[in-house]
PDB file of N, CA and C in Angstrom:
ATOM      1  N   UNK A   1       0.917  -1.204  -0.027  1.00  0.00           N
ATOM      2  CA  UNK A   1      -0.021   0.057  -0.056  1.00  0.00           C
ATOM      3  C   UNK A   1       0.891   1.249   0.036  1.00  0.00           C
ATOM      4  N   UNK A   2       2.040   1.170   0.888  1.00  0.00           N
ATOM      5  CA  UNK A   2       2.970   2.316   0.810  1.00  0.00           C
ATOM      6  C   UNK A   2       3.294   2.741  -0.453  1.00  0.00           C
ATOM      7  N   UNK A   3       3.828   1.654  -1.435  1.00  0.00           N
ATOM      8  CA  UNK A   3       4.167   2.060  -2.643  1.00  0.00           C
ATOM      9  C   UNK A   3       3.127   2.562  -3.547  1.00  0.00           C
ATOM     10  N   UNK A   4       1.960   2.232  -3.363  1.00  0.00           N
ATOM     11  CA  UNK A   4       0.816   2.790  -4.211  1.00  0.00           C
ATOM     12  C   UNK A   4       0.734   4.158  -3.787  1.00  0.00           C
ATOM     13  N   UNK A   5       0.761   4.476  -2.590  1.00  0.00           N
ATOM     14  CA  UNK A   5       0.587   5.932  -2.243  1.00  0.00           C
ATOM     15  C   UNK A   5       1.797   6.729  -2.553  1.00  0.00           C
ATOM     16  N   UNK A   6       2.901   6.205  -2.633  1.00  0.00           N
ATOM     17  CA  UNK A   6       4.008   7.019  -3.087  1.00  0.00           C
ATOM     18  C   UNK A   6       3.740   7.157  -4.731  1.00  0.00           C
ATOM     19  N   UNK A   7       3.224   6.290  -5.418  1.00  0.00           N
ATOM     20  CA  UNK A   7       2.783   6.159  -6.809  1.00  0.00           C
ATOM     21  C   UNK A   7       1.833   7.333  -7.187  1.00  0.00           C
ATOM     22  N   UNK A   8       0.813   7.526  -6.407  1.00  0.00           N
ATOM     23  CA  UNK A   8      -0.300   8.310  -6.752  1.00  0.00           C
ATOM     24  C   UNK A   8      -0.092   9.720  -7.104  1.00  0.00           C
ATOM     25  N   UNK A   9       0.892  10.336  -6.517  1.00  0.00           N
ATOM     26  CA  UNK A   9       1.205  11.746  -7.010  1.00  0.00           C
ATOM     27  C   UNK A   9       1.722  11.652  -8.560  1.00  0.00           C
ATOM     28  N   UNK A  10       2.473  10.674  -8.866  1.00  0.00           N
ATOM     29  CA  UNK A  10       3.013  10.455 -10.183  1.00  0.00           C
ATOM     30  C   UNK A  10       1.713  10.255 -11.104  1.00  0.00           C
ATOM     31  N   UNK A  11       0.632   9.596 -10.667  1.00  0.00           N
ATOM     32  CA  UNK A  11      -0.523   9.295 -11.570  1.00  0.00           C
ATOM     33  C   UNK A  11      -1.215  10.618 -11.699  1.00  0.00           C
ATOM     34  N   UNK A  12      -1.374  11.346 -10.662  1.00  0.00           N
ATOM     35  CA  UNK A  12      -2.020  12.766 -10.584  1.00  0.00           C
ATOM     36  C   UNK A  12      -1.278  13.765 -11.608  1.00  0.00           C
ATOM     37  N   UNK A  13       0.093  13.740 -11.572  1.00  0.00           N
ATOM     38  CA  UNK A  13       0.895  14.600 -12.381  1.00  0.00           C
ATOM     39  C   UNK A  13       0.697  14.178 -13.941  1.00  0.00           C
ATOM     40  N   UNK A  14       0.449  12.938 -14.147  1.00  0.00           N
ATOM     41  CA  UNK A  14       0.166  12.470 -15.549  1.00  0.00           C
ATOM     42  C   UNK A  14      -0.953  13.056 -16.231  1.00  0.00           C
ATOM     43  N   UNK A  15      -1.937  13.692 -15.438  1.00  0.00           N
ATOM     44  CA  UNK A  15      -3.278  14.097 -15.968  1.00  0.00           C
ATOM     45  C   UNK A  15      -2.830  15.431 -16.766  1.00  0.00           C
ATOM     46  N   UNK A  16      -1.869  16.034 -16.597  1.00  0.00           N
ATOM     47  CA  UNK A  16      -1.480  17.263 -17.255  1.00  0.00           C
ATOM     48  C   UNK A  16      -0.757  17.029 -18.569  1.00  0.00           C
ATOM     49  N   UNK A  17      -0.288  15.716 -18.640  1.00  0.00           N
ATOM     50  CA  UNK A  17       0.340  15.359 -19.900  1.00  0.00           C
ATOM     51  C   UNK A  17      -0.600  14.614 -20.868  1.00  0.00           C
ATOM     52  N   UNK A  18      -0.669  15.215 -22.155  1.00  0.00           N
ATOM     53  CA  UNK A  18      -1.445  14.808 -23.075  1.00  0.00           C
ATOM     54  C   UNK A  18      -1.119  13.190 -23.333  1.00  0.00           C
ATOM     55  N   UNK A  19      -2.147  12.593 -23.790  1.00  0.00           N
ATOM     56  CA  UNK A  19      -2.085  11.082 -24.177  1.00  0.00           C
ATOM     57  C   UNK A  19      -1.217  11.031 -25.270  1.00  0.00           C
ATOM     58  N   UNK A  20      -0.173  10.092 -25.195  1.00  0.00           N
ATOM     59  CA  UNK A  20       0.706   9.800 -26.356  1.00  0.00           C
ATOM     60  C   UNK A  20       0.299   8.536 -26.894  1.00  0.00           C
ATOM     61  N   UNK A  21       0.213   8.365 -28.102  1.00  0.00           N
ATOM     62  CA  UNK A  21      -0.245   7.140 -28.880  1.00  0.00           C
ATOM     63  C   UNK A  21       0.939   6.129 -29.095  1.00  0.00           C
ATOM     64  N   UNK A  22       2.139   6.423 -28.751  1.00  0.00           N
ATOM     65  CA  UNK A  22       3.244   5.748 -28.811  1.00  0.00           C
ATOM     66  C   UNK A  22       3.175   4.421 -28.026  1.00  0.00           C
ATOM     67  N   UNK A  23       3.245   3.211 -28.661  1.00  0.00           N
ATOM     68  CA  UNK A  23       3.168   2.039 -28.087  1.00  0.00           C
ATOM     69  C   UNK A  23       4.215   1.731 -26.876  1.00  0.00           C
ATOM     70  N   UNK A  24       5.276   2.283 -27.023  1.00  0.00           N
ATOM     71  CA  UNK A  24       6.334   2.254 -26.116  1.00  0.00           C
ATOM     72  C   UNK A  24       5.948   3.008 -24.899  1.00  0.00           C
ATOM     73  N   UNK A  25       5.498   4.241 -24.872  1.00  0.00           N
ATOM     74  CA  UNK A  25       4.984   5.023 -23.880  1.00  0.00           C
ATOM     75  C   UNK A  25       3.860   4.335 -23.179  1.00  0.00           C
ATOM     76  N   UNK A  26       2.816   3.772 -23.904  1.00  0.00           N
ATOM     77  CA  UNK A  26       1.677   3.042 -23.221  1.00  0.00           C
ATOM     78  C   UNK A  26       2.194   1.810 -22.485  1.00  0.00           C
ATOM     79  N   UNK A  27       3.025   1.066 -23.025  1.00  0.00           N
ATOM     80  CA  UNK A  27       3.655  -0.166 -22.389  1.00  0.00           C
ATOM     81  C   UNK A  27       4.391   0.214 -21.034  1.00  0.00           C
ATOM     82  N   UNK A  28       5.087   1.292 -21.101  1.00  0.00           N
ATOM     83  CA  UNK A  28       5.899   1.681 -19.923  1.00  0.00           C
ATOM     84  C   UNK A  28       4.796   2.123 -18.847  1.00  0.00           C
ATOM     85  N   UNK A  29       3.846   3.032 -19.210  1.00  0.00           N
ATOM     86  CA  UNK A  29       2.759   3.590 -18.335  1.00  0.00           C
ATOM     87  C   UNK A  29       2.084   2.251 -17.752  1.00  0.00           C
ATOM     88  N   UNK A  30       1.684   1.412 -18.670  1.00  0.00           N
ATOM     89  CA  UNK A  30       0.914   0.166 -18.217  1.00  0.00           C
ATOM     90  C   UNK A  30       1.836  -0.600 -17.234  1.00  0.00           C
ATOM     91  N   UNK A  31       2.990  -0.771 -17.412  1.00  0.00           N
ATOM     92  CA  UNK A  31       3.834  -1.563 -16.423  1.00  0.00           C
ATOM     93  C   UNK A  31       4.014  -0.647 -15.252  1.00  0.00           C
ATOM     94  N   UNK A  32       4.013   0.544 -15.228  1.00  0.00           N
ATOM     95  CA  UNK A  32       4.108   1.287 -13.826  1.00  0.00           C
ATOM     96  C   UNK A  32       2.926   1.094 -13.058  1.00  0.00           C
ATOM     97  N   UNK A  33       1.740   1.192 -13.773  1.00  0.00           N
ATOM     98  CA  UNK A  33       0.384   1.031 -13.215  1.00  0.00           C
ATOM     99  C   UNK A  33       0.280  -0.424 -12.522  1.00  0.00           C
ATOM    100  N   UNK A  34       0.712  -1.289 -13.293  1.00  0.00           N
ATOM    101  CA  UNK A  34       0.533  -2.837 -13.032  1.00  0.00           C
ATOM    102  C   UNK A  34       1.488  -2.994 -11.769  1.00  0.00           C
ATOM    103  N   UNK A  35       2.777  -2.470 -11.787  1.00  0.00           N
ATOM    104  CA  UNK A  35       3.465  -2.615 -10.428  1.00  0.00           C
ATOM    105  C   UNK A  35       2.846  -2.017  -9.385  1.00  0.00           C
ATOM    106  N   UNK A  36       2.299  -0.760  -9.376  1.00  0.00           N
ATOM    107  CA  UNK A  36       1.704  -0.312  -8.243  1.00  0.00           C
ATOM    108  C   UNK A  36       0.446  -1.102  -7.911  1.00  0.00           C
ATOM    109  N   UNK A  37      -0.193  -1.737  -8.938  1.00  0.00           N
ATOM    110  CA  UNK A  37      -1.310  -2.412  -8.644  1.00  0.00           C
ATOM    111  C   UNK A  37      -0.967  -3.776  -7.924  1.00  0.00           C
ATOM    112  N   UNK A  38       0.087  -4.433  -8.377  1.00  0.00           N
ATOM    113  CA  UNK A  38       0.481  -5.633  -7.732  1.00  0.00           C
ATOM    114  C   UNK A  38       0.858  -5.366  -6.283  1.00  0.00           C
ATOM    115  N   UNK A  39       1.370  -4.259  -5.927  1.00  0.00           N
ATOM    116  CA  UNK A  39       1.889  -3.835  -4.556  1.00  0.00           C
ATOM    117  C   UNK A  39       0.725  -3.640  -3.601  1.00  0.00           C
ATOM    118  N   UNK A  40      -0.462  -3.285  -4.255  1.00  0.00           N
ATOM    119  CA  UNK A  40      -1.690  -3.058  -3.406  1.00  0.00           C
ATOM    120  C   UNK A  40      -2.361  -4.503  -3.483  1.00  0.00           C
ATOM    121  N   UNK A  41      -3.555  -4.551  -2.864  1.00  0.00           N
ATOM    122  CA  UNK A  41      -4.222  -5.762  -2.796  1.00  0.00           C
ATOM    123  C   UNK A  41      -4.724  -6.157  -4.273  1.00  0.00           C
ATOM    124  N   UNK A  42      -4.462  -7.264  -4.748  1.00  0.00           N
ATOM    125  CA  UNK A  42      -4.812  -7.610  -6.169  1.00  0.00           C
ATOM    126  C   UNK A  42      -6.419  -7.782  -6.180  1.00  0.00           C
ATOM    127  N   UNK A  43      -7.107  -7.153  -7.217  1.00  0.00           N
ATOM    128  CA  UNK A  43      -8.468  -7.247  -7.401  1.00  0.00           C
ATOM    129  C   UNK A  43      -9.311  -6.743  -6.434  1.00  0.00           C
ATOM    130  N   UNK A  44      -8.687  -5.710  -5.620  1.00  0.00           N
ATOM    131  CA  UNK A  44      -9.466  -5.021  -4.615  1.00  0.00           C
ATOM    132  C   UNK A  44     -10.472  -4.099  -5.394  1.00  0.00           C
ATOM    133  N   UNK A  45     -11.737  -4.251  -5.092  1.00  0.00           N
ATOM    134  CA  UNK A  45     -12.741  -3.478  -5.729  1.00  0.00           C
ATOM    135  C   UNK A  45     -13.495  -2.451  -4.704  1.00  0.00           C
ATOM    136  N   UNK A  46     -13.924  -1.309  -5.427  1.00  0.00           N
ATOM    137  CA  UNK A  46     -14.829  -0.402  -4.645  1.00  0.00           C
ATOM    138  C   UNK A  46     -16.029  -1.057  -4.163  1.00  0.00           C
ATOM    139  N   UNK A  47     -16.636  -0.823  -3.110  1.00  0.00           N
ATOM    140  CA  UNK A  47     -17.785  -1.504  -2.592  1.00  0.00           C
ATOM    141  C   UNK A  47     -18.929  -1.117  -3.574  1.00  0.00           C
ATOM    142  N   UNK A  48     -20.083  -1.709  -3.382  1.00  0.00           N
ATOM    143  CA  UNK A  48     -21.223  -1.844  -4.260  1.00  0.00           C
ATOM    144  C   UNK A  48     -21.596  -0.390  -4.654  1.00  0.00           C
ATOM    145  N   UNK A  49     -21.540   0.732  -4.046  1.00  0.00           N
ATOM    146  CA  UNK A  49     -21.931   2.006  -4.523  1.00  0.00           C
ATOM    147  C   UNK A  49     -21.040   2.583  -5.492  1.00  0.00           C
ATOM    148  N   UNK A  50     -21.491   3.231  -6.589  1.00  0.00           N
ATOM    149  CA  UNK A  50     -20.839   3.957  -7.554  1.00  0.00           C
ATOM    150  C   UNK A  50     -20.247   5.309  -7.046  1.00  0.00           C
ATOM    151  N   UNK A  51     -19.176   5.721  -7.456  1.00  0.00           N
ATOM    152  CA  UNK A  51     -18.664   6.939  -7.112  1.00  0.00           C
ATOM    153  C   UNK A  51     -18.787   8.038  -8.118  1.00  0.00           C
ATOM    154  N   UNK A  52     -19.034   9.352  -7.752  1.00  0.00           N
ATOM    155  CA  UNK A  52     -19.279  10.343  -8.742  1.00  0.00           C
ATOM    156  C   UNK A  52     -17.977  10.893  -9.150  1.00  0.00           C
ATOM    157  N   UNK A  53     -18.076  11.353 -10.383  1.00  0.00           N
ATOM    158  CA  UNK A  53     -16.796  11.940 -11.001  1.00  0.00           C
ATOM    159  C   UNK A  53     -17.247  12.775 -12.159  1.00  0.00           C
ATOM    160  N   UNK A  54     -16.145  13.349 -12.737  1.00  0.00           N
ATOM    161  CA  UNK A  54     -16.244  14.188 -14.013  1.00  0.00           C
ATOM    162  C   UNK A  54     -15.218  13.723 -14.985  1.00  0.00           C
ATOM    163  N   UNK A  55     -15.597  13.585 -16.258  1.00  0.00           N
ATOM    164  CA  UNK A  55     -14.538  13.074 -17.167  1.00  0.00           C
ATOM    165  C   UNK A  55     -13.778  14.383 -17.819  1.00  0.00           C
ATOM    166  N   UNK A  56     -12.469  14.121 -17.706  1.00  0.00           N
ATOM    167  CA  UNK A  56     -11.716  15.332 -18.276  1.00  0.00           C
ATOM    168  C   UNK A  56     -11.102  14.892 -19.546  1.00  0.00           C
ATOM    169  N   UNK A  57     -10.793  13.572 -19.852  1.00  0.00           N
ATOM    170  CA  UNK A  57     -10.420  13.084 -21.001  1.00  0.00           C
ATOM    171  C   UNK A  57     -10.740  11.637 -21.417  1.00  0.00           C
ATOM    172  N   UNK A  58     -11.056  11.412 -22.725  1.00  0.00           N
ATOM    173  CA  UNK A  58     -11.430  10.048 -23.035  1.00  0.00           C
ATOM    174  C   UNK A  58     -10.467   9.778 -24.302  1.00  0.00           C
ATOM    175  N   UNK A  59      -9.748   8.607 -24.165  1.00  0.00           N
ATOM    176  CA  UNK A  59      -9.036   8.215 -25.213  1.00  0.00           C
ATOM    177  C   UNK A  59      -9.369   6.608 -25.513  1.00  0.00           C
ATOM    178  N   UNK A  60     -10.210   6.680 -26.653  1.00  0.00           N
ATOM    179  CA  UNK A  60     -10.731   5.533 -27.185  1.00  0.00           C
ATOM    180  C   UNK A  60      -9.702   4.437 -27.697  1.00  0.00           C
ATOM    181  N   UNK A  61      -8.748   5.049 -28.332  1.00  0.00           N
ATOM    182  CA  UNK A  61      -7.747   4.189 -28.874  1.00  0.00           C
ATOM    183  C   UNK A  61      -6.957   3.460 -27.759  1.00  0.00           C
ATOM    184  N   UNK A  62      -6.619   4.125 -26.740  1.00  0.00           N
ATOM    185  CA  UNK A  62      -5.798   3.690 -25.568  1.00  0.00           C
ATOM    186  C   UNK A  62      -6.740   3.002 -24.552  1.00  0.00           C
ATOM    187  N   UNK A  63      -7.949   2.929 -24.737  1.00  0.00           N
ATOM    188  CA  UNK A  63      -9.027   2.494 -23.710  1.00  0.00           C
ATOM    189  C   UNK A  63      -8.566   3.093 -22.182  1.00  0.00           C
ATOM    190  N   UNK A  64      -8.414   4.417 -22.180  1.00  0.00           N
ATOM    191  CA  UNK A  64      -8.225   5.102 -20.865  1.00  0.00           C
ATOM    192  C   UNK A  64      -9.194   6.277 -20.857  1.00  0.00           C
ATOM    193  N   UNK A  65      -9.488   6.484 -19.615  1.00  0.00           N
ATOM    194  CA  UNK A  65     -10.221   7.805 -19.263  1.00  0.00           C
ATOM    195  C   UNK A  65      -9.588   8.436 -18.081  1.00  0.00           C
ATOM    196  N   UNK A  66      -9.562   9.731 -18.024  1.00  0.00           N
ATOM    197  CA  UNK A  66      -9.244  10.723 -16.972  1.00  0.00           C
ATOM    198  C   UNK A  66     -10.318  10.992 -16.214  1.00  0.00           C
ATOM    199  N   UNK A  67     -10.419  10.774 -15.010  1.00  0.00           N
ATOM    200  CA  UNK A  67     -11.590  11.172 -14.183  1.00  0.00           C
ATOM    201  C   UNK A  67     -11.220  11.917 -13.034  1.00  0.00           C
ATOM    202  N   UNK A  68     -11.763  13.065 -12.751  1.00  0.00           N
ATOM    203  CA  UNK A  68     -11.694  13.716 -11.522  1.00  0.00           C
ATOM    204  C   UNK A  68     -12.923  13.204 -10.547  1.00  0.00           C
ATOM    205  N   UNK A  69     -12.342  12.491  -9.441  1.00  0.00           N
ATOM    206  CA  UNK A  69     -13.465  11.643  -8.739  1.00  0.00           C
ATOM    207  C   UNK A  69     -13.476  12.051  -7.408  1.00  0.00           C
ATOM    208  N   UNK A  70     -14.569  11.612  -6.748  1.00  0.00           N
ATOM    209  CA  UNK A  70     -14.740  11.722  -5.269  1.00  0.00           C
ATOM    210  C   UNK A  70     -13.872  10.548  -4.575  1.00  0.00           C
ATOM    211  N   UNK A  71     -13.921  10.627  -3.182  1.00  0.00           N
ATOM    212  CA  UNK A  71     -13.107   9.449  -2.555  1.00  0.00           C
ATOM    213  C   UNK A  71     -13.496   8.145  -2.919  1.00  0.00           C
ATOM    214  N   UNK A  72     -12.574   7.301  -3.278  1.00  0.00           N
ATOM    215  CA  UNK A  72     -12.665   5.910  -3.420  1.00  0.00           C
ATOM    216  C   UNK A  72     -12.409   5.165  -2.210  1.00  0.00           C
ATOM    217  N   UNK A  73     -13.393   5.151  -1.266  1.00  0.00           N
ATOM    218  CA  UNK A  73     -13.372   4.504  -0.100  1.00  0.00           C
ATOM    219  C   UNK A  73     -12.852   3.114  -0.013  1.00  0.00           C
ATOM    220  N   UNK A  74     -13.377   2.366  -0.929  1.00  0.00           N
ATOM    221  CA  UNK A  74     -12.893   0.797  -0.803  1.00  0.00           C
ATOM    222  C   UNK A  74     -11.546   0.678  -1.222  1.00  0.00           C
ATOM    223  N   UNK A  75     -10.900   1.598  -2.042  1.00  0.00           N
ATOM    224  CA  UNK A  75      -9.604   1.551  -2.631  1.00  0.00           C
ATOM    225  C   UNK A  75      -8.605   2.312  -1.623  1.00  0.00           C
ATOM    226  N   UNK A  76      -9.070   3.076  -0.733  1.00  0.00           N
ATOM    227  CA  UNK A  76      -8.274   3.864   0.294  1.00  0.00           C
ATOM    228  C   UNK A  76      -7.701   5.014  -0.596  1.00  0.00           C
ATOM    229  N   UNK A  77      -8.330   5.600  -1.446  1.00  0.00           N
ATOM    230  CA  UNK A  77      -7.850   6.668  -2.300  1.00  0.00           C
ATOM    231  C   UNK A  77      -8.687   8.046  -2.116  1.00  0.00           C
ATOM    232  N   UNK A  78      -8.181   9.061  -1.743  1.00  0.00           N
ATOM    233  CA  UNK A  78      -8.728  10.355  -1.575  1.00  0.00           C
ATOM    234  C   UNK A  78      -9.442  10.856  -2.872  1.00  0.00           C
ATOM    235  N   UNK A  79     -10.177  11.930  -2.890  1.00  0.00           N
ATOM    236  CA  UNK A  79     -10.519  12.485  -4.188  1.00  0.00           C
ATOM    237  C   UNK A  79      -9.487  13.166  -4.762  1.00  0.00           C
ATOM    238  N   UNK A  80      -9.364  12.720  -6.045  1.00  0.00           N
ATOM    239  CA  UNK A  80      -8.262  13.249  -6.900  1.00  0.00           C
ATOM    240  C   UNK A  80      -8.618  13.152  -8.395  1.00  0.00           C
ATOM    241  N   UNK A  81      -7.565  13.548  -9.137  1.00  0.00           N
ATOM    242  CA  UNK A  81      -7.814  13.189 -10.714  1.00  0.00           C
ATOM    243  C   UNK A  81      -6.779  12.128 -11.205  1.00  0.00           C
ATOM    244  N   UNK A  82      -7.177  11.225 -11.813  1.00  0.00           N
ATOM    245  CA  UNK A  82      -6.240  10.059 -12.335  1.00  0.00           C
ATOM    246  C   UNK A  82      -6.812   9.392 -13.520  1.00  0.00           C
ATOM    247  N   UNK A  83      -5.927   8.754 -14.038  1.00  0.00           N
ATOM    248  CA  UNK A  83      -5.986   7.909 -15.497  1.00  0.00           C
ATOM    249  C   UNK A  83      -6.558   6.545 -14.948  1.00  0.00           C
ATOM    250  N   UNK A  84      -7.554   6.030 -15.653  1.00  0.00           N
ATOM    251  CA  UNK A  84      -7.929   4.643 -15.390  1.00  0.00           C
ATOM    252  C   UNK A  84      -7.977   3.932 -16.770  1.00  0.00           C
ATOM    253  N   UNK A  85      -7.621   2.528 -16.747  1.00  0.00           N
ATOM    254  CA  UNK A  85      -7.822   1.787 -18.044  1.00  0.00           C
ATOM    255  C   UNK A  85      -9.264   1.327 -18.040  1.00  0.00           C
ATOM    256  N   UNK A  86      -9.753   1.059 -19.128  1.00  0.00           N
ATOM    257  CA  UNK A  86     -11.037   0.647 -19.346  1.00  0.00           C
ATOM    258  C   UNK A  86     -11.086  -0.758 -20.188  1.00  0.00           C
ATOM    259  N   UNK A  87     -11.175  -1.744 -19.527  1.00  0.00           N
ATOM    260  CA  UNK A  87     -10.860  -3.122 -20.233  1.00  0.00           C
ATOM    261  C   UNK A  87     -11.973  -3.398 -21.255  1.00  0.00           C
ATOM    262  N   UNK A  88     -13.190  -2.751 -21.057  1.00  0.00           N
ATOM    263  CA  UNK A  88     -14.197  -3.084 -22.053  1.00  0.00           C
ATOM    264  C   UNK A  88     -14.480  -1.674 -22.712  1.00  0.00           C
ATOM    265  N   UNK A  89     -14.049  -1.597 -23.843  1.00  0.00           N
ATOM    266  CA  UNK A  89     -14.238  -0.313 -24.656  1.00  0.00           C
ATOM    267  C   UNK A  89     -15.616   0.237 -24.672  1.00  0.00           C
ATOM    268  N   UNK A  90     -16.555  -0.788 -24.749  1.00  0.00           N
ATOM    269  CA  UNK A  90     -18.039  -0.399 -24.855  1.00  0.00           C
ATOM    270  C   UNK A  90     -18.328   0.558 -23.773  1.00  0.00           C
ATOM    271  N   UNK A  91     -17.712   0.540 -22.562  1.00  0.00           N
ATOM    272  CA  UNK A  91     -18.105   1.545 -21.490  1.00  0.00           C
ATOM    273  C   UNK A  91     -17.799   2.973 -22.028  1.00  0.00           C
ATOM    274  N   UNK A  92     -16.838   3.108 -22.822  1.00  0.00           N
ATOM    275  CA  UNK A  92     -16.611   4.504 -23.256  1.00  0.00           C
ATOM    276  C   UNK A  92     -17.498   5.029 -24.325  1.00  0.00           C
ATOM    277  N   UNK A  93     -18.387   4.223 -24.955  1.00  0.00           N
ATOM    278  CA  UNK A  93     -19.183   4.685 -25.998  1.00  0.00           C
ATOM    279  C   UNK A  93     -20.193   5.847 -25.456  1.00  0.00           C
ATOM    280  N   UNK A  94     -20.109   6.920 -26.159  1.00  0.00           N
ATOM    281  CA  UNK A  94     -20.930   8.045 -25.789  1.00  0.00           C
ATOM    282  C   UNK A  94     -20.457   8.827 -24.694  1.00  0.00           C
ATOM    283  N   UNK A  95     -19.290   8.541 -24.027  1.00  0.00           N
ATOM    284  CA  UNK A  95     -18.786   9.399 -22.983  1.00  0.00           C
ATOM    285  C   UNK A  95     -17.945  10.335 -23.551  1.00  0.00           C
ATOM    286  N   UNK A  96     -18.181  11.612 -23.095  1.00  0.00           N
ATOM    287  CA  UNK A  96     -17.466  12.787 -23.742  1.00  0.00           C
ATOM    288  C   UNK A  96     -16.846  13.672 -22.363  1.00  0.00           C
ATOM    289  N   UNK A  97     -15.723  14.454 -22.894  1.00  0.00           N
ATOM    290  CA  UNK A  97     -15.220  15.297 -21.920  1.00  0.00           C
ATOM    291  C   UNK A  97     -16.240  16.093 -21.263  1.00  0.00           C
ATOM    292  N   UNK A  98     -16.155  16.474 -19.846  1.00  0.00           N
ATOM    293  CA  UNK A  98     -16.938  17.367 -19.137  1.00  0.00           C
ATOM    294  C   UNK A  98     -18.211  16.690 -18.630  1.00  0.00           C
ATOM    295  N   UNK A  99     -18.654  15.397 -19.086  1.00  0.00           N
ATOM    296  CA  UNK A  99     -19.757  14.799 -18.520  1.00  0.00           C
ATOM    297  C   UNK A  99     -19.538  14.314 -17.073  1.00  0.00           C
ATOM    298  N   UNK A 100     -20.682  14.271 -16.415  1.00  0.00           N
ATOM    299  CA  UNK A 100     -20.624  13.837 -14.889  1.00  0.00           C
ATOM    300  C   UNK A 100     -21.094  12.408 -15.104  1.00  0.00           C
ATOM    301  N   UNK A 101     -20.294  11.662 -14.393  1.00  0.00           N
ATOM    302  CA  UNK A 101     -20.511  10.066 -14.307  1.00  0.00           C
ATOM    303  C   UNK A 101     -20.582   9.569 -13.029  1.00  0.00           C
ATOM    304  N   UNK A 102     -21.164   8.422 -13.001  1.00  0.00           N
ATOM    305  CA  UNK A 102     -20.929   7.547 -11.735  1.00  0.00           C
ATOM    306  C   UNK A 102     -20.012   6.310 -12.156  1.00  0.00           C
ATOM    307  N   UNK A 103     -19.139   5.734 -11.346  1.00  0.00           N
ATOM    308  CA  UNK A 103     -18.362   4.609 -11.755  1.00  0.00           C
ATOM    309  C   UNK A 103     -17.889   3.681 -10.606  1.00  0.00           C
ATOM    310  N   UNK A 104     -17.515   2.383 -10.960  1.00  0.00           N
ATOM    311  CA  UNK A 104     -16.874   1.629 -10.099  1.00  0.00           C
ATOM    312  C   UNK A 104     -15.531   1.325 -10.567  1.00  0.00           C
ATOM    313  N   UNK A 105     -14.647   1.205  -9.672  1.00  0.00           N
ATOM    314  CA  UNK A 105     -13.201   0.755 -10.011  1.00  0.00           C
ATOM    315  C   UNK A 105     -12.559  -0.189  -9.232  1.00  0.00           C
ATOM    316  N   UNK A 106     -11.681  -0.877  -9.737  1.00  0.00           N
ATOM    317  CA  UNK A 106     -10.761  -1.869  -8.967  1.00  0.00           C
ATOM    318  C   UNK A 106      -9.272  -1.694  -9.384  1.00  0.00           C
ATOM    319  N   UNK A 107      -8.491  -2.210  -8.428  1.00  0.00           N
ATOM    320  CA  UNK A 107      -7.123  -2.440  -8.712  1.00  0.00           C
ATOM    321  C   UNK A 107      -6.945  -3.760  -8.981  1.00  0.00           C
ATOM    322  N   UNK A 108      -6.306  -4.115 -10.145  1.00  0.00           N
ATOM    323  CA  UNK A 108      -6.032  -5.422 -10.656  1.00  0.00           C
ATOM    324  C   UNK A 108      -4.739  -5.563 -11.128  1.00  0.00           C
ATOM    325  N   UNK A 109      -4.148  -6.740 -11.329  1.00  0.00           N
ATOM    326  CA  UNK A 109      -2.774  -6.893 -11.755  1.00  0.00           C
ATOM    327  C   UNK A 109      -2.345  -5.944 -12.893  1.00  0.00           C
ATOM    328  N   UNK A 110      -3.377  -5.682 -13.847  1.00  0.00           N
ATOM    329  CA  UNK A 110      -2.983  -5.029 -14.883  1.00  0.00           C
ATOM    330  C   UNK A 110      -3.344  -3.402 -14.801  1.00  0.00           C
ATOM    331  N   UNK A 111      -3.664  -3.133 -13.579  1.00  0.00           N
ATOM    332  CA  UNK A 111      -3.701  -1.575 -13.241  1.00  0.00           C
ATOM    333  C   UNK A 111      -4.938  -1.203 -12.778  1.00  0.00           C
ATOM    334  N   UNK A 112      -5.237   0.057 -12.639  1.00  0.00           N
ATOM    335  CA  UNK A 112      -6.482   0.534 -12.131  1.00  0.00           C
ATOM    336  C   UNK A 112      -7.497   0.529 -13.279  1.00  0.00           C
ATOM    337  N   UNK A 113      -8.644  -0.134 -12.892  1.00  0.00           N
ATOM    338  CA  UNK A 113      -9.622  -0.399 -13.983  1.00  0.00           C
ATOM    339  C   UNK A 113     -11.076   0.324 -13.774  1.00  0.00           C
ATOM    340  N   UNK A 114     -11.687   0.848 -14.563  1.00  0.00           N
ATOM    341  CA  UNK A 114     -13.069   1.187 -14.343  1.00  0.00           C
ATOM    342  C   UNK A 114     -13.845  -0.143 -14.899  1.00  0.00           C
ATOM    343  N   UNK A 115     -14.684  -0.569 -13.888  1.00  0.00           N
ATOM    344  CA  UNK A 115     -15.285  -1.781 -14.268  1.00  0.00           C
ATOM    345  C   UNK A 115     -16.944  -1.600 -14.473  1.00  0.00           C
ATOM    346  N   UNK A 116     -17.376  -0.360 -14.111  1.00  0.00           N
ATOM    347  CA  UNK A 116     -18.657   0.110 -14.432  1.00  0.00           C
ATOM    348  C   UNK A 116     -18.705   1.510 -14.580  1.00  0.00           C
ATOM    349  N   UNK A 117     -19.509   2.011 -15.456  1.00  0.00           N
ATOM    350  CA  UNK A 117     -19.592   3.539 -15.799  1.00  0.00           C
ATOM    351  C   UNK A 117     -21.057   3.726 -16.212  1.00  0.00           C
ATOM    352  N   UNK A 118     -21.589   4.712 -15.743  1.00  0.00           N
ATOM    353  CA  UNK A 118     -22.969   5.339 -16.063  1.00  0.00           C
ATOM    354  C   UNK A 118     -22.856   6.778 -16.112  1.00  0.00           C
ATOM    355  N   UNK A 119     -23.490   7.435 -17.141  1.00  0.00           N
ATOM    356  CA  UNK A 119     -23.674   8.799 -17.278  1.00  0.00           C
ATOM    357  C   UNK A 119     -24.694   9.186 -16.101  1.00  0.00           C
ATOM    358  N   UNK A 120     -24.294  10.384 -15.503  1.00  0.00           N
ATOM    359  CA  UNK A 120     -25.140  10.808 -14.386  1.00  0.00           C
ATOM    360  C   UNK A 120     -26.197  11.585 -14.983  1.00  0.00           C
ATOM    361  N   UNK A 121     -27.728  11.249 -14.662  1.00  0.00           N
ATOM    362  CA  UNK A 121     -28.614  11.885 -15.122  1.00  0.00           C
ATOM    363  C   UNK A 121     -28.882  13.246 -14.372  1.00  0.00           C
ATOM    364  N   UNK A 122     -29.122  14.288 -15.271  1.00  0.00           N
ATOM    365  CA  UNK A 122     -29.160  15.673 -14.596  1.00  0.00           C
ATOM    366  C   UNK A 122     -30.393  15.889 -13.800  1.00  0.00           C
TER     367      UNK A 122
END
């Protein structure tokens, strides 16, 4: 857990960096997230309730989303902005920058994942 907490400021800093489509960069970033995820409890998931957030970026090609979110209690993460991988690209369909969402996330061996995503009704 300590290594994950050390790694979180790096993830937060990455939000200011535009997505790079280079496969080398994405593999390196994925590896870093996977290392942090392995150090945390594997497959630890947010409890049943969905967390509110705002979409800052969507990268369909990389299957990633940047979310400014509320506290992820089940994962022990405070409210912050971070990059999540989306293993099921269909979750990103119709999701645009600036939209309010509710989502569930988990830490898995391959990194931080969004497992469920819903557009928040106004």
